[in-house]
Amino acid sequence: MFFHKVRDLLGLLRAPSGPAAAPMLRPVIDEAARAWPFQEAWVDLSPRGPGVFFLYCMGRLIYIGVATSGSGLREELASHLRGVYGVGTRKATAFTWEPAAQPLALHRAYLEAHRARYGGRLPRCNESELSAR
């Protein structure tokens, strides 16, 4: 289990990239095997660059987030951990991330993959974020 996390952290288990690659959406995970605990020490190990991140609560995907070049993955995850974006994402228990050169396009692809799989619905914190606008 730990070795899967370390390989993910080092980028040795990457999903195929490029326009033809479909996003590998994981709506339910085994947190102990595939995700990092949503705690400051683990967030601090996240990359500073742009990408997409996933927040889970008790193994269920609750939020798909994006970090652009203005704010890296580490900064965005730390903001959610501190509750800057509300209590919904603060309640996450685990997270994963995927570095991306074009994070907005990848973020949209993951959101669309989730919508396609779940009848147009988004993860619950993404839904509440949209309804708050």
Foldseek 3Di string as FASTA:
>chain_A
DVVLVVCQLVVVDDFDDDDVGADDDDQFDDCVPHWAFLDLVVLVSHDFAWWWKFFAAPRGTQDIGTAHRVGGSSRVSVCLCVQVVHVSSVNTGTMDIDHDPDHVVVSVSNQVVVCVVPVHDGRNVVVVVVVVD
